[in-house]
Amino acid sequence: MSPKIKTYLVYSISFLVLFMGTFFITKAITNKTSVFTTMLPIIVAVVVAPKPHVAQYQSGKRYGLKWIFKKDVWWF
């Protein structure tokens, strides 16, 4: 599996896990469907999920994930 595919696969899985977790928590707190129960999980997942990071080197591109809670980049 190429590093590019692995990076975006880990990003999408982490985004989905964060979205579903916050969605079920907000649904447990509020029983009705509203803009709050829909937008809050999306905003939390976008902000907290690690972002794909591409660095250009002489040997080629290097793919990794950058997270707001950690300054290092997780390279693949």
C-alpha atoms as a PDB file:
ATOM      1  CA  MET A   1       0.000   0.000   0.000  1.00  0.00           C
ATOM      2  CA  SER A   2       1.412   3.360  -0.967  1.00  0.00           C
ATOM      3  CA  PRO A   3       2.041   6.015   1.679  1.00  0.00           C
ATOM      4  CA  LYS A   4      -0.441   8.384   0.003  1.00  0.00           C
ATOM      5  CA  ILE A   5      -3.300   5.882   0.223  1.00  0.00           C
ATOM      6  CA  LYS A   6      -2.339   4.917   3.769  1.00  0.00           C
ATOM      7  CA  THR A   7      -2.304   8.578   4.879  1.00  0.00           C
ATOM      8  CA  TYR A   8      -5.715   9.379   3.469  1.00  0.00           C
ATOM      9  CA  LEU A   9      -7.164   6.081   4.701  1.00  0.00           C
ATOM     10  CA  VAL A  10      -6.026   6.760   8.290  1.00  0.00           C
ATOM     11  CA  TYR A  11      -7.319  10.352   7.991  1.00  0.00           C
ATOM     12  CA  SER A  12     -10.761   9.272   6.794  1.00  0.00           C
ATOM     13  CA  ILE A  13     -11.072   6.517   9.420  1.00  0.00           C
ATOM     14  CA  SER A  14     -10.093   8.888  12.242  1.00  0.00           C
ATOM     15  CA  PHE A  15     -12.520  11.524  10.925  1.00  0.00           C
ATOM     16  CA  LEU A  16     -15.333   8.956  10.776  1.00  0.00           C
ATOM     17  CA  VAL A  17     -14.620   7.651  14.301  1.00  0.00           C
ATOM     18  CA  LEU A  18     -14.576  11.170  15.749  1.00  0.00           C
ATOM     19  CA  PHE A  19     -17.741  12.122  13.875  1.00  0.00           C
ATOM     20  CA  MET A  20     -19.681   9.021  14.904  1.00  0.00           C
ATOM     21  CA  GLY A  21     -18.517   9.284  18.534  1.00  0.00           C
ATOM     22  CA  THR A  22     -19.578  12.898  18.935  1.00  0.00           C
ATOM     23  CA  PHE A  23     -22.782  12.240  16.978  1.00  0.00           C
ATOM     24  CA  PHE A  24     -23.866   9.458  19.326  1.00  0.00           C
ATOM     25  CA  ILE A  25     -22.918  11.507  22.391  1.00  0.00           C
ATOM     26  CA  THR A  26     -24.969  14.497  21.220  1.00  0.00           C
ATOM     27  CA  LYS A  27     -27.891  12.206  20.317  1.00  0.00           C
ATOM     28  CA  ALA A  28     -27.745  10.693  23.817  1.00  0.00           C
ATOM     29  CA  ILE A  29     -27.830  14.144  25.415  1.00  0.00           C
ATOM     30  CA  THR A  30     -30.552  15.572  23.164  1.00  0.00           C
ATOM     31  CA  ASN A  31     -33.198  13.208  21.829  1.00  0.00           C
ATOM     32  CA  LYS A  32     -34.431  15.388  18.982  1.00  0.00           C
ATOM     33  CA  THR A  33     -32.696  16.094  15.693  1.00  0.00           C
ATOM     34  CA  SER A  34     -31.631  19.686  15.201  1.00  0.00           C
ATOM     35  CA  VAL A  35     -28.874  21.751  13.629  1.00  0.00           C
ATOM     36  CA  PHE A  36     -26.921  21.421  16.892  1.00  0.00           C
ATOM     37  CA  THR A  37     -26.879  17.613  16.785  1.00  0.00           C
ATOM     38  CA  THR A  38     -25.794  17.670  13.137  1.00  0.00           C
ATOM     39  CA  MET A  39     -23.243  20.480  12.984  1.00  0.00           C
ATOM     40  CA  LEU A  40     -21.437  19.929  16.298  1.00  0.00           C
ATOM     41  CA  PRO A  41     -20.067  16.464  15.363  1.00  0.00           C
ATOM     42  CA  ILE A  42     -18.915  17.769  11.967  1.00  0.00           C
ATOM     43  CA  ILE A  43     -17.121  20.751  13.520  1.00  0.00           C
ATOM     44  CA  VAL A  44     -15.476  18.608  16.224  1.00  0.00           C
ATOM     45  CA  ALA A  45     -14.321  16.011  13.690  1.00  0.00           C
ATOM     46  CA  VAL A  46     -12.890  18.637  11.316  1.00  0.00           C
ATOM     47  CA  VAL A  47     -10.989  20.417  14.103  1.00  0.00           C
ATOM     48  CA  VAL A  48      -9.700  17.389  16.049  1.00  0.00           C
ATOM     49  CA  ALA A  49      -8.964  14.864  13.268  1.00  0.00           C
ATOM     50  CA  PRO A  50      -5.321  14.699  12.138  1.00  0.00           C
ATOM     51  CA  LYS A  51      -4.736  16.526   8.849  1.00  0.00           C
ATOM     52  CA  PRO A  52      -2.824  15.093   5.886  1.00  0.00           C
ATOM     53  CA  HIS A  53       0.613  16.667   5.480  1.00  0.00           C
ATOM     54  CA  VAL A  54       2.682  16.418   2.300  1.00  0.00           C
ATOM     55  CA  ALA A  55       6.332  17.479   2.265  1.00  0.00           C
ATOM     56  CA  GLN A  56       8.369  17.822  -0.908  1.00  0.00           C
ATOM     57  CA  TYR A  57      11.938  16.539  -0.716  1.00  0.00           C
ATOM     58  CA  GLN A  58      14.598  15.985  -3.376  1.00  0.00           C
ATOM     59  CA  SER A  59      13.877  12.277  -3.258  1.00  0.00           C
ATOM     60  CA  GLY A  60      10.137  12.816  -3.723  1.00  0.00           C
ATOM     61  CA  LYS A  61       7.021  13.513  -1.728  1.00  0.00           C
ATOM     62  CA  ARG A  62       6.594  12.315   1.834  1.00  0.00           C
ATOM     63  CA  TYR A  63       3.124  11.808   3.316  1.00  0.00           C
ATOM     64  CA  GLY A  64       2.142  12.071   6.948  1.00  0.00           C
ATOM     65  CA  LEU A  65      -0.484  13.241   9.409  1.00  0.00           C
ATOM     66  CA  LYS A  66      -0.300  16.371  11.549  1.00  0.00           C
ATOM     67  CA  TRP A  67      -2.432  16.682  14.679  1.00  0.00           C
ATOM     68  CA  ILE A  68      -3.296  19.820  16.694  1.00  0.00           C
ATOM     69  CA  PHE A  69      -2.285  18.148  19.983  1.00  0.00           C
ATOM     70  CA  LYS A  70       1.139  17.023  18.747  1.00  0.00           C
ATOM     71  CA  LYS A  71       3.743  19.095  16.927  1.00  0.00           C
ATOM     72  CA  ASP A  72       5.446  16.158  15.233  1.00  0.00           C
ATOM     73  CA  VAL A  73       4.267  14.733  11.937  1.00  0.00           C
ATOM     74  CA  TRP A  74       3.452  11.021  11.776  1.00  0.00           C
ATOM     75  CA  TRP A  75       5.190   9.906   8.561  1.00  0.00           C
ATOM     76  CA  PHE A  76       4.086   6.917   6.512  1.00  0.00           C
END
